Amino acid sequence: MAGKFELYEDRAGEYRFRLKAGNGEIILTGEGYKQKASAENGIASVRTNAPLDTRYERKTNAAGKPMFNLKASNGQVIGTSEAYSSEAARENGIASVKANAPDARLNDQS
């Protein structure tokens, strides 16, 4: 099963997106946007930048768990991962974003 982007409006009235793998697991989450078109541009940027390994910022969160940010060419964060149990699991998450994002269909729930 192919991955998909879900576009939705949160309780604060901001538009957000998440990328889900074929198994339904959330593998990347976008920030909140005031305008729906801006969230759609964020999805387009994820599709463009996901295949490029240099766009992934590998880091640890405040609890010391591995995670990553996907960045656009201008250095802006366009998506953030969950926390992973190991660096190997983080690399699997990055591989999943690379595989799913470019062709993921859009499920507009807004």
PDB file of N, CA and C in Angstrom:
ATOM      1  N   MET A   1       0.831  -1.183   0.000  1.00  0.00           N
ATOM      2  CA  MET A   1       0.000   0.000   0.000  1.00  0.00           C
ATOM      3  C   MET A   1       0.876   1.248   0.000  1.00  0.00           C
ATOM      4  N   ALA A   2       0.536   2.204  -0.813  1.00  0.00           N
ATOM      5  CA  ALA A   2       1.336   3.417  -0.954  1.00  0.00           C
ATOM      6  C   ALA A   2       1.095   4.378   0.204  1.00  0.00           C
ATOM      7  N   GLY A   3       2.056   5.261   0.409  1.00  0.00           N
ATOM      8  CA  GLY A   3       1.924   6.280   1.437  1.00  0.00           C
ATOM      9  C   GLY A   3       0.925   7.350   1.031  1.00  0.00           C
ATOM     10  N   LYS A   4       0.567   8.191   2.018  1.00  0.00           N
ATOM     11  CA  LYS A   4      -0.356   9.286   1.716  1.00  0.00           C
ATOM     12  C   LYS A   4      -0.083  10.465   2.638  1.00  0.00           C
ATOM     13  N   PHE A   5      -0.367  11.640   2.118  1.00  0.00           N
ATOM     14  CA  PHE A   5      -0.365  12.851   2.920  1.00  0.00           C
ATOM     15  C   PHE A   5      -1.789  13.085   3.398  1.00  0.00           C
ATOM     16  N   GLU A   6      -1.933  13.439   4.652  1.00  0.00           N
ATOM     17  CA  GLU A   6      -3.216  13.869   5.171  1.00  0.00           C
ATOM     18  C   GLU A   6      -3.112  15.351   5.492  1.00  0.00           C
ATOM     19  N   LEU A   7      -4.005  16.136   4.922  1.00  0.00           N
ATOM     20  CA  LEU A   7      -4.076  17.575   5.162  1.00  0.00           C
ATOM     21  C   LEU A   7      -5.305  17.814   6.020  1.00  0.00           C
ATOM     22  N   TYR A   8      -5.123  18.496   7.146  1.00  0.00           N
ATOM     23  CA  TYR A   8      -6.246  18.694   8.065  1.00  0.00           C
ATOM     24  C   TYR A   8      -6.135  20.039   8.769  1.00  0.00           C
ATOM     25  N   GLU A   9      -7.227  20.461   9.367  1.00  0.00           N
ATOM     26  CA  GLU A   9      -7.262  21.688  10.143  1.00  0.00           C
ATOM     27  C   GLU A   9      -7.267  21.307  11.619  1.00  0.00           C
ATOM     28  N   ASP A  10      -6.338  21.877  12.398  1.00  0.00           N
ATOM     29  CA  ASP A  10      -6.265  21.533  13.816  1.00  0.00           C
ATOM     30  C   ASP A  10      -7.244  22.376  14.638  1.00  0.00           C
ATOM     31  N   ARG A  11      -7.271  22.143  15.929  1.00  0.00           N
ATOM     32  CA  ARG A  11      -8.226  22.835  16.808  1.00  0.00           C
ATOM     33  C   ARG A  11      -8.000  24.337  16.870  1.00  0.00           C
ATOM     34  N   ALA A  12      -6.775  24.769  16.594  1.00  0.00           N
ATOM     35  CA  ALA A  12      -6.458  26.201  16.604  1.00  0.00           C
ATOM     36  C   ALA A  12      -6.789  26.866  15.273  1.00  0.00           C
ATOM     37  N   GLY A  13      -7.300  26.078  14.313  1.00  0.00           N
ATOM     38  CA  GLY A  13      -7.655  26.636  13.016  1.00  0.00           C
ATOM     39  C   GLY A  13      -6.502  26.710  12.030  1.00  0.00           C
ATOM     40  N   GLU A  14      -5.389  26.057  12.356  1.00  0.00           N
ATOM     41  CA  GLU A  14      -4.250  26.025  11.442  1.00  0.00           C
ATOM     42  C   GLU A  14      -4.304  24.755  10.592  1.00  0.00           C
ATOM     43  N   TYR A  15      -3.740  24.869   9.404  1.00  0.00           N
ATOM     44  CA  TYR A  15      -3.675  23.728   8.487  1.00  0.00           C
ATOM     45  C   TYR A  15      -2.365  22.992   8.718  1.00  0.00           C
ATOM     46  N   ARG A  16      -2.455  21.686   8.798  1.00  0.00           N
ATOM     47  CA  ARG A  16      -1.287  20.840   9.030  1.00  0.00           C
ATOM     48  C   ARG A  16      -1.334  19.646   8.089  1.00  0.00           C
ATOM     49  N   PHE A  17      -0.177  19.015   7.928  1.00  0.00           N
ATOM     50  CA  PHE A  17      -0.142  17.769   7.167  1.00  0.00           C
ATOM     51  C   PHE A  17       0.722  16.758   7.887  1.00  0.00           C
ATOM     52  N   ARG A  18       0.433  15.520   7.582  1.00  0.00           N
ATOM     53  CA  ARG A  18       1.270  14.419   8.055  1.00  0.00           C
ATOM     54  C   ARG A  18       1.419  13.437   6.902  1.00  0.00           C
ATOM     55  N   LEU A  19       2.570  12.799   6.859  1.00  0.00           N
ATOM     56  CA  LEU A  19       2.838  11.762   5.861  1.00  0.00           C
ATOM     57  C   LEU A  19       2.742  10.418   6.558  1.00  0.00           C
ATOM     58  N   LYS A  20       1.913   9.553   6.004  1.00  0.00           N
ATOM     59  CA  LYS A  20       1.757   8.203   6.555  1.00  0.00           C
ATOM     60  C   LYS A  20       2.330   7.195   5.569  1.00  0.00           C
ATOM     61  N   ALA A  21       3.020   6.204   6.114  1.00  0.00           N
ATOM     62  CA  ALA A  21       3.516   5.092   5.302  1.00  0.00           C
ATOM     63  C   ALA A  21       2.334   4.212   4.914  1.00  0.00           C
ATOM     64  N   GLY A  22       2.579   3.263   4.046  1.00  0.00           N
ATOM     65  CA  GLY A  22       1.537   2.357   3.591  1.00  0.00           C
ATOM     66  C   GLY A  22       0.861   1.574   4.699  1.00  0.00           C
ATOM     67  N   ASN A  23       1.582   1.376   5.810  1.00  0.00           N
ATOM     68  CA  ASN A  23       1.016   0.640   6.946  1.00  0.00           C
ATOM     69  C   ASN A  23       0.217   1.544   7.888  1.00  0.00           C
ATOM     70  N   GLY A  24       0.100   2.834   7.542  1.00  0.00           N
ATOM     71  CA  GLY A  24      -0.669   3.772   8.340  1.00  0.00           C
ATOM     72  C   GLY A  24       0.112   4.515   9.407  1.00  0.00           C
ATOM     73  N   GLU A  25       1.394   4.169   9.567  1.00  0.00           N
ATOM     74  CA  GLU A  25       2.222   4.834  10.572  1.00  0.00           C
ATOM     75  C   GLU A  25       2.593   6.235  10.110  1.00  0.00           C
ATOM     76  N   ILE A  26       2.482   7.215  11.013  1.00  0.00           N
ATOM     77  CA  ILE A  26       2.893   8.589  10.702  1.00  0.00           C
ATOM     78  C   ILE A  26       4.419   8.632  10.693  1.00  0.00           C
ATOM     79  N   ILE A  27       4.995   9.062   9.578  1.00  0.00           N
ATOM     80  CA  ILE A  27       6.453   9.093   9.459  1.00  0.00           C
ATOM     81  C   ILE A  27       7.017  10.508   9.362  1.00  0.00           C
ATOM     82  N   LEU A  28       6.148  11.508   9.147  1.00  0.00           N
ATOM     83  CA  LEU A  28       6.600  12.895   9.073  1.00  0.00           C
ATOM     84  C   LEU A  28       5.405  13.796   9.355  1.00  0.00           C
ATOM     85  N   THR A  29       5.642  14.875  10.105  1.00  0.00           N
ATOM     86  CA  THR A  29       4.586  15.820  10.445  1.00  0.00           C
ATOM     87  C   THR A  29       5.049  17.227  10.097  1.00  0.00           C
ATOM     88  N   GLY A  30       4.162  17.991   9.476  1.00  0.00           N
ATOM     89  CA  GLY A  30       4.469  19.379   9.135  1.00  0.00           C
ATOM     90  C   GLY A  30       4.033  20.326  10.235  1.00  0.00           C
ATOM     91  N   GLU A  31       4.494  21.567  10.154  1.00  0.00           N
ATOM     92  CA  GLU A  31       4.113  22.600  11.111  1.00  0.00           C
ATOM     93  C   GLU A  31       2.711  23.121  10.799  1.00  0.00           C
ATOM     94  N   GLY A  32       2.206  24.007  11.625  1.00  0.00           N
ATOM     95  CA  GLY A  32       0.907  24.616  11.384  1.00  0.00           C
ATOM     96  C   GLY A  32       1.036  25.810  10.446  1.00  0.00           C
ATOM     97  N   TYR A  33       0.091  25.930   9.539  1.00  0.00           N
ATOM     98  CA  TYR A  33       0.057  27.029   8.575  1.00  0.00           C
ATOM     99  C   TYR A  33      -1.273  27.767   8.694  1.00  0.00           C
ATOM    100  N   LYS A  34      -1.246  29.090   8.552  1.00  0.00           N
ATOM    101  CA  LYS A  34      -2.473  29.894   8.613  1.00  0.00           C
ATOM    102  C   LYS A  34      -3.337  29.685   7.380  1.00  0.00           C
ATOM    103  N   GLN A  35      -2.710  29.484   6.231  1.00  0.00           N
ATOM    104  CA  GLN A  35      -3.412  29.334   4.963  1.00  0.00           C
ATOM    105  C   GLN A  35      -3.290  27.905   4.449  1.00  0.00           C
ATOM    106  N   LYS A  36      -4.375  27.382   3.917  1.00  0.00           N
ATOM    107  CA  LYS A  36      -4.368  26.034   3.348  1.00  0.00           C
ATOM    108  C   LYS A  36      -3.355  25.927   2.213  1.00  0.00           C
ATOM    109  N   ALA A  37      -3.265  26.968   1.378  1.00  0.00           N
ATOM    110  CA  ALA A  37      -2.324  26.947   0.251  1.00  0.00           C
ATOM    111  C   ALA A  37      -0.885  26.809   0.733  1.00  0.00           C
ATOM    112  N   SER A  38      -0.573  27.400   1.885  1.00  0.00           N
ATOM    113  CA  SER A  38       0.783  27.287   2.436  1.00  0.00           C
ATOM    114  C   SER A  38       1.074  25.850   2.860  1.00  0.00           C
ATOM    115  N   ALA A  39       0.090  25.179   3.439  1.00  0.00           N
ATOM    116  CA  ALA A  39       0.262  23.765   3.811  1.00  0.00           C
ATOM    117  C   ALA A  39       0.449  22.911   2.556  1.00  0.00           C
ATOM    118  N   GLU A  40      -0.313  23.219   1.510  1.00  0.00           N
ATOM    119  CA  GLU A  40      -0.167  22.487   0.247  1.00  0.00           C
ATOM    120  C   GLU A  40       1.218  22.709  -0.349  1.00  0.00           C
ATOM    121  N   ASN A  41       1.755  23.925  -0.213  1.00  0.00           N
ATOM    122  CA  ASN A  41       3.126  24.196  -0.666  1.00  0.00           C
ATOM    123  C   ASN A  41       4.134  23.410   0.164  1.00  0.00           C
ATOM    124  N   GLY A  42       3.846  23.252   1.454  1.00  0.00           N
ATOM    125  CA  GLY A  42       4.715  22.448   2.309  1.00  0.00           C
ATOM    126  C   GLY A  42       4.760  20.998   1.849  1.00  0.00           C
ATOM    127  N   ILE A  43       3.608  20.457   1.480  1.00  0.00           N
ATOM    128  CA  ILE A  43       3.543  19.089   0.960  1.00  0.00           C
ATOM    129  C   ILE A  43       4.360  18.978  -0.328  1.00  0.00           C
ATOM    130  N   ALA A  44       4.209  19.952  -1.212  1.00  0.00           N
ATOM    131  CA  ALA A  44       4.972  19.943  -2.469  1.00  0.00           C
ATOM    132  C   ALA A  44       6.476  19.985  -2.190  1.00  0.00           C
ATOM    133  N   SER A  45       6.874  20.768  -1.190  1.00  0.00           N
ATOM    134  CA  SER A  45       8.289  20.858  -0.833  1.00  0.00           C
ATOM    135  C   SER A  45       8.795  19.540  -0.263  1.00  0.00           C
ATOM    136  N   VAL A  46       7.982  18.858   0.540  1.00  0.00           N
ATOM    137  CA  VAL A  46       8.370  17.534   1.059  1.00  0.00           C
ATOM    138  C   VAL A  46       8.565  16.572  -0.111  1.00  0.00           C
ATOM    139  N   ARG A  47       7.640  16.575  -1.054  1.00  0.00           N
ATOM    140  CA  ARG A  47       7.775  15.679  -2.216  1.00  0.00           C
ATOM    141  C   ARG A  47       9.080  15.939  -2.966  1.00  0.00           C
ATOM    142  N   THR A  48       9.441  17.208  -3.115  1.00  0.00           N
ATOM    143  CA  THR A  48      10.649  17.581  -3.856  1.00  0.00           C
ATOM    144  C   THR A  48      11.922  17.224  -3.092  1.00  0.00           C
ATOM    145  N   ASN A  49      11.931  17.491  -1.795  1.00  0.00           N
ATOM    146  CA  ASN A  49      13.158  17.358  -1.006  1.00  0.00           C
ATOM    147  C   ASN A  49      13.367  15.982  -0.379  1.00  0.00           C
ATOM    148  N   ALA A  50      12.307  15.196  -0.244  1.00  0.00           N
ATOM    149  CA  ALA A  50      12.412  13.895   0.427  1.00  0.00           C
ATOM    150  C   ALA A  50      13.466  12.955  -0.166  1.00  0.00           C
ATOM    151  N   PRO A  51      13.623  12.896  -1.495  1.00  0.00           N
ATOM    152  CA  PRO A  51      14.614  11.952  -2.033  1.00  0.00           C
ATOM    153  C   PRO A  51      16.075  12.336  -1.765  1.00  0.00           C
ATOM    154  N   LEU A  52      16.335  13.558  -1.323  1.00  0.00           N
ATOM    155  CA  LEU A  52      17.698  14.074  -1.187  1.00  0.00           C
ATOM    156  C   LEU A  52      18.223  13.879   0.232  1.00  0.00           C
ATOM    157  N   ASP A  53      19.190  12.990   0.395  1.00  0.00           N
ATOM    158  CA  ASP A  53      19.698  12.669   1.724  1.00  0.00           C
ATOM    159  C   ASP A  53      20.265  13.890   2.444  1.00  0.00           C
ATOM    160  N   THR A  54      20.823  14.839   1.696  1.00  0.00           N
ATOM    161  CA  THR A  54      21.416  16.028   2.314  1.00  0.00           C
ATOM    162  C   THR A  54      20.374  16.931   2.967  1.00  0.00           C
ATOM    163  N   ARG A  55      19.101  16.703   2.689  1.00  0.00           N
ATOM    164  CA  ARG A  55      18.024  17.528   3.270  1.00  0.00           C
ATOM    165  C   ARG A  55      17.584  17.038   4.656  1.00  0.00           C
ATOM    166  N   TYR A  56      18.148  15.916   5.116  1.00  0.00           N
ATOM    167  CA  TYR A  56      17.762  15.366   6.414  1.00  0.00           C
ATOM    168  C   TYR A  56      18.754  15.800   7.488  1.00  0.00           C
ATOM    169  N   GLU A  57      18.211  16.419   8.519  1.00  0.00           N
ATOM    170  CA  GLU A  57      19.005  16.801   9.682  1.00  0.00           C
ATOM    171  C   GLU A  57      18.781  15.726  10.745  1.00  0.00           C
ATOM    172  N   ARG A  58      19.801  14.918  10.960  1.00  0.00           N
ATOM    173  CA  ARG A  58      19.724  13.846  11.952  1.00  0.00           C
ATOM    174  C   ARG A  58      20.142  14.419  13.304  1.00  0.00           C
ATOM    175  N   LYS A  59      19.283  14.248  14.298  1.00  0.00           N
ATOM    176  CA  LYS A  59      19.563  14.827  15.602  1.00  0.00           C
ATOM    177  C   LYS A  59      18.909  14.007  16.690  1.00  0.00           C
ATOM    178  N   THR A  60      19.025  14.466  17.929  1.00  0.00           N
ATOM    179  CA  THR A  60      18.341  13.836  19.047  1.00  0.00           C
ATOM    180  C   THR A  60      17.421  14.873  19.685  1.00  0.00           C
ATOM    181  N   ASN A  61      16.340  14.396  20.278  1.00  0.00           N
ATOM    182  CA  ASN A  61      15.413  15.305  20.946  1.00  0.00           C
ATOM    183  C   ASN A  61      15.892  15.577  22.370  1.00  0.00           C
ATOM    184  N   ALA A  62      15.119  16.327  23.127  1.00  0.00           N
ATOM    185  CA  ALA A  62      15.511  16.702  24.486  1.00  0.00           C
ATOM    186  C   ALA A  62      15.699  15.492  25.394  1.00  0.00           C
ATOM    187  N   ALA A  63      15.007  14.397  25.084  1.00  0.00           N
ATOM    188  CA  ALA A  63      15.129  13.174  25.886  1.00  0.00           C
ATOM    189  C   ALA A  63      16.273  12.284  25.409  1.00  0.00           C
ATOM    190  N   GLY A  64      17.017  12.745  24.385  1.00  0.00           N
ATOM    191  CA  GLY A  64      18.145  11.971  23.885  1.00  0.00           C
ATOM    192  C   GLY A  64      17.794  10.913  22.861  1.00  0.00           C
ATOM    193  N   LYS A  65      16.557  10.920  22.374  1.00  0.00           N
ATOM    194  CA  LYS A  65      16.106   9.930  21.383  1.00  0.00           C
ATOM    195  C   LYS A  65      16.414  10.429  19.970  1.00  0.00           C
ATOM    196  N   PRO A  66      16.852   9.529  19.074  1.00  0.00           N
ATOM    197  CA  PRO A  66      17.113   9.923  17.687  1.00  0.00           C
ATOM    198  C   PRO A  66      15.828  10.368  16.979  1.00  0.00           C
ATOM    199  N   MET A  67      15.938  11.403  16.162  1.00  0.00           N
ATOM    200  CA  MET A  67      14.837  11.889  15.333  1.00  0.00           C
ATOM    201  C   MET A  67      15.451  12.639  14.155  1.00  0.00           C
ATOM    202  N   PHE A  68      14.612  13.165  13.267  1.00  0.00           N
ATOM    203  CA  PHE A  68      15.145  13.943  12.148  1.00  0.00           C
ATOM    204  C   PHE A  68      14.171  15.036  11.741  1.00  0.00           C
ATOM    205  N   ASN A  69      14.744  16.047  11.105  1.00  0.00           N
ATOM    206  CA  ASN A  69      13.978  17.089  10.425  1.00  0.00           C
ATOM    207  C   ASN A  69      14.285  16.987   8.943  1.00  0.00           C
ATOM    208  N   LEU A  70      13.282  17.219   8.116  1.00  0.00           N
ATOM    209  CA  LEU A  70      13.479  17.354   6.674  1.00  0.00           C
ATOM    210  C   LEU A  70      13.469  18.840   6.383  1.00  0.00           C
ATOM    211  N   LYS A  71      14.497  19.302   5.676  1.00  0.00           N
ATOM    212  CA  LYS A  71      14.642  20.735   5.395  1.00  0.00           C
ATOM    213  C   LYS A  71      14.554  21.019   3.907  1.00  0.00           C
ATOM    214  N   ALA A  72      14.053  22.201   3.587  1.00  0.00           N
ATOM    215  CA  ALA A  72      14.015  22.680   2.206  1.00  0.00           C
ATOM    216  C   ALA A  72      15.399  23.200   1.831  1.00  0.00           C
ATOM    217  N   SER A  73      15.561  23.572   0.574  1.00  0.00           N
ATOM    218  CA  SER A  73      16.866  24.058   0.098  1.00  0.00           C
ATOM    219  C   SER A  73      17.299  25.334   0.816  1.00  0.00           C
ATOM    220  N   ASN A  74      16.342  26.105   1.349  1.00  0.00           N
ATOM    221  CA  ASN A  74      16.677  27.332   2.074  1.00  0.00           C
ATOM    222  C   ASN A  74      16.985  27.082   3.548  1.00  0.00           C
ATOM    223  N   GLY A  75      16.951  25.814   3.985  1.00  0.00           N
ATOM    224  CA  GLY A  75      17.269  25.456   5.356  1.00  0.00           C
ATOM    225  C   GLY A  75      16.071  25.429   6.294  1.00  0.00           C
ATOM    226  N   GLN A  76      14.891  25.825   5.797  1.00  0.00           N
ATOM    227  CA  GLN A  76      13.691  25.822   6.632  1.00  0.00           C
ATOM    228  C   GLN A  76      13.208  24.389   6.863  1.00  0.00           C
ATOM    229  N   VAL A  77      12.829  24.080   8.107  1.00  0.00           N
ATOM    230  CA  VAL A  77      12.283  22.764   8.427  1.00  0.00           C
ATOM    231  C   VAL A  77      10.892  22.648   7.816  1.00  0.00           C
ATOM    232  N   ILE A  78      10.673  21.588   7.038  1.00  0.00           N
ATOM    233  CA  ILE A  78       9.366  21.375   6.406  1.00  0.00           C
ATOM    234  C   ILE A  78       8.661  20.141   6.959  1.00  0.00           C
ATOM    235  N   GLY A  79       9.364  19.350   7.749  1.00  0.00           N
ATOM    236  CA  GLY A  79       8.752  18.175   8.361  1.00  0.00           C
ATOM    237  C   GLY A  79       9.637  17.639   9.468  1.00  0.00           C
ATOM    238  N   THR A  80       8.988  17.055  10.473  1.00  0.00           N
ATOM    239  CA  THR A  80       9.683  16.514  11.639  1.00  0.00           C
ATOM    240  C   THR A  80       9.203  15.089  11.890  1.00  0.00           C
ATOM    241  N   SER A  81      10.132  14.252  12.282  1.00  0.00           N
ATOM    242  CA  SER A  81       9.807  12.849  12.565  1.00  0.00           C
ATOM    243  C   SER A  81       9.375  12.669  14.008  1.00  0.00           C
ATOM    244  N   GLU A  82       8.969  11.463  14.311  1.00  0.00           N
ATOM    245  CA  GLU A  82       8.754  11.045  15.695  1.00  0.00           C
ATOM    246  C   GLU A  82      10.121  10.764  16.322  1.00  0.00           C
ATOM    247  N   ALA A  83      10.136  10.448  17.593  1.00  0.00           N
ATOM    248  CA  ALA A  83      11.356   9.991  18.260  1.00  0.00           C
ATOM    249  C   ALA A  83      11.496   8.493  18.023  1.00  0.00           C
ATOM    250  N   TYR A  84      12.724   8.059  17.778  1.00  0.00           N
ATOM    251  CA  TYR A  84      13.003   6.651  17.494  1.00  0.00           C
ATOM    252  C   TYR A  84      13.783   6.017  18.636  1.00  0.00           C
ATOM    253  N   SER A  85      13.742   4.695  18.686  1.00  0.00           N
ATOM    254  CA  SER A  85      14.417   3.955  19.751  1.00  0.00           C
ATOM    255  C   SER A  85      15.914   3.804  19.504  1.00  0.00           C
ATOM    256  N   SER A  86      16.338   3.979  18.238  1.00  0.00           N
ATOM    257  CA  SER A  86      17.756   3.823  17.903  1.00  0.00           C
ATOM    258  C   SER A  86      18.069   4.608  16.634  1.00  0.00           C
ATOM    259  N   GLU A  87      19.358   4.789  16.382  1.00  0.00           N
ATOM    260  CA  GLU A  87      19.768   5.460  15.148  1.00  0.00           C
ATOM    261  C   GLU A  87      19.384   4.623  13.930  1.00  0.00           C
ATOM    262  N   ALA A  88      19.449   3.308  14.050  1.00  0.00           N
ATOM    263  CA  ALA A  88      19.065   2.426  12.941  1.00  0.00           C
ATOM    264  C   ALA A  88      17.582   2.597  12.620  1.00  0.00           C
ATOM    265  N   ALA A  89      16.755   2.703  13.653  1.00  0.00           N
ATOM    266  CA  ALA A  89      15.318   2.909  13.441  1.00  0.00           C
ATOM    267  C   ALA A  89      15.073   4.268  12.774  1.00  0.00           C
ATOM    268  N   ARG A  90      15.850   5.280  13.171  1.00  0.00           N
ATOM    269  CA  ARG A  90      15.739   6.599  12.531  1.00  0.00           C
ATOM    270  C   ARG A  90      16.076   6.495  11.053  1.00  0.00           C
ATOM    271  N   GLU A  91      17.123   5.764  10.716  1.00  0.00           N
ATOM    272  CA  GLU A  91      17.502   5.607   9.304  1.00  0.00           C
ATOM    273  C   GLU A  91      16.400   4.890   8.522  1.00  0.00           C
ATOM    274  N   ASN A  92      15.734   3.934   9.157  1.00  0.00           N
ATOM    275  CA  ASN A  92      14.596   3.278   8.511  1.00  0.00           C
ATOM    276  C   ASN A  92      13.461   4.269   8.281  1.00  0.00           C
ATOM    277  N   GLY A  93      13.246   5.181   9.231  1.00  0.00           N
ATOM    278  CA  GLY A  93      12.233   6.218   9.070  1.00  0.00           C
ATOM    279  C   GLY A  93      12.545   7.139   7.911  1.00  0.00           C
ATOM    280  N   ILE A  94      13.810   7.534   7.783  1.00  0.00           N
ATOM    281  CA  ILE A  94      14.233   8.384   6.663  1.00  0.00           C
ATOM    282  C   ILE A  94      14.022   7.649   5.346  1.00  0.00           C
ATOM    283  N   ALA A  95      14.397   6.377   5.304  1.00  0.00           N
ATOM    284  CA  ALA A  95      14.207   5.579   4.087  1.00  0.00           C
ATOM    285  C   ALA A  95      12.727   5.506   3.715  1.00  0.00           C
ATOM    286  N   SER A  96      11.862   5.410   4.714  1.00  0.00           N
ATOM    287  CA  SER A  96      10.425   5.348   4.457  1.00  0.00           C
ATOM    288  C   SER A  96       9.909   6.668   3.886  1.00  0.00           C
ATOM    289  N   VAL A  97      10.382   7.794   4.419  1.00  0.00           N
ATOM    290  CA  VAL A  97       9.983   9.097   3.868  1.00  0.00           C
ATOM    291  C   VAL A  97      10.462   9.211   2.427  1.00  0.00           C
ATOM    292  N   LYS A  98      11.712   8.829   2.171  1.00  0.00           N
ATOM    293  CA  LYS A  98      12.251   8.881   0.806  1.00  0.00           C
ATOM    294  C   LYS A  98      11.409   8.050  -0.158  1.00  0.00           C
ATOM    295  N   ALA A  99      10.967   6.884   0.297  1.00  0.00           N
ATOM    296  CA  ALA A  99      10.213   5.972  -0.565  1.00  0.00           C
ATOM    297  C   ALA A  99       8.758   6.414  -0.748  1.00  0.00           C
ATOM    298  N   ASN A 100       8.157   6.970   0.279  1.00  0.00           N
ATOM    299  CA  ASN A 100       6.727   7.266   0.244  1.00  0.00           C
ATOM    300  C   ASN A 100       6.369   8.665  -0.240  1.00  0.00           C
ATOM    301  N   ALA A 101       7.146   9.667   0.143  1.00  0.00           N
ATOM    302  CA  ALA A 101       6.739  11.061  -0.102  1.00  0.00           C
ATOM    303  C   ALA A 101       6.580  11.447  -1.571  1.00  0.00           C
ATOM    304  N   PRO A 102       7.515  11.098  -2.455  1.00  0.00           N
ATOM    305  CA  PRO A 102       7.412  11.631  -3.824  1.00  0.00           C
ATOM    306  C   PRO A 102       6.102  11.316  -4.535  1.00  0.00           C
ATOM    307  N   ASP A 103       5.537  10.148  -4.318  1.00  0.00           N
ATOM    308  CA  ASP A 103       4.330   9.734  -5.034  1.00  0.00           C
ATOM    309  C   ASP A 103       3.118   9.563  -4.127  1.00  0.00           C
ATOM    310  N   ALA A 104       3.208  10.025  -2.898  1.00  0.00           N
ATOM    311  CA  ALA A 104       2.098   9.850  -1.955  1.00  0.00           C
ATOM    312  C   ALA A 104       0.895  10.666  -2.413  1.00  0.00           C
ATOM    313  N   ARG A 105      -0.282  10.049  -2.346  1.00  0.00           N
ATOM    314  CA  ARG A 105      -1.488  10.768  -2.720  1.00  0.00           C
ATOM    315  C   ARG A 105      -1.880  11.691  -1.580  1.00  0.00           C
ATOM    316  N   LEU A 106      -2.715  12.676  -1.882  1.00  0.00           N
ATOM    317  CA  LEU A 106      -3.169  13.645  -0.897  1.00  0.00           C
ATOM    318  C   LEU A 106      -4.592  13.319  -0.470  1.00  0.00           C
ATOM    319  N   ASN A 107      -4.776  13.156   0.824  1.00  0.00           N
ATOM    320  CA  ASN A 107      -6.104  12.955   1.414  1.00  0.00           C
ATOM    321  C   ASN A 107      -6.442  14.248   2.157  1.00  0.00           C
ATOM    322  N   ASP A 108      -7.266  15.100   1.542  1.00  0.00           N
ATOM    323  CA  ASP A 108      -7.623  16.398   2.109  1.00  0.00           C
ATOM    324  C   ASP A 108      -8.780  16.220   3.078  1.00  0.00           C
ATOM    325  N   GLN A 109      -8.508  16.387   4.355  1.00  0.00           N
ATOM    326  CA  GLN A 109      -9.520  16.234   5.407  1.00  0.00           C
ATOM    327  C   GLN A 109      -9.945  17.574   5.991  1.00  0.00           C
ATOM    328  N   SER A 110      -9.478  18.648   5.382  1.00  0.00           N
ATOM    329  CA  SER A 110      -9.753  19.979   5.956  1.00  0.00           C
ATOM    330  C   SER A 110     -11.154  20.476   5.638  1.00  0.00           C
TER     331      SER A 110
END
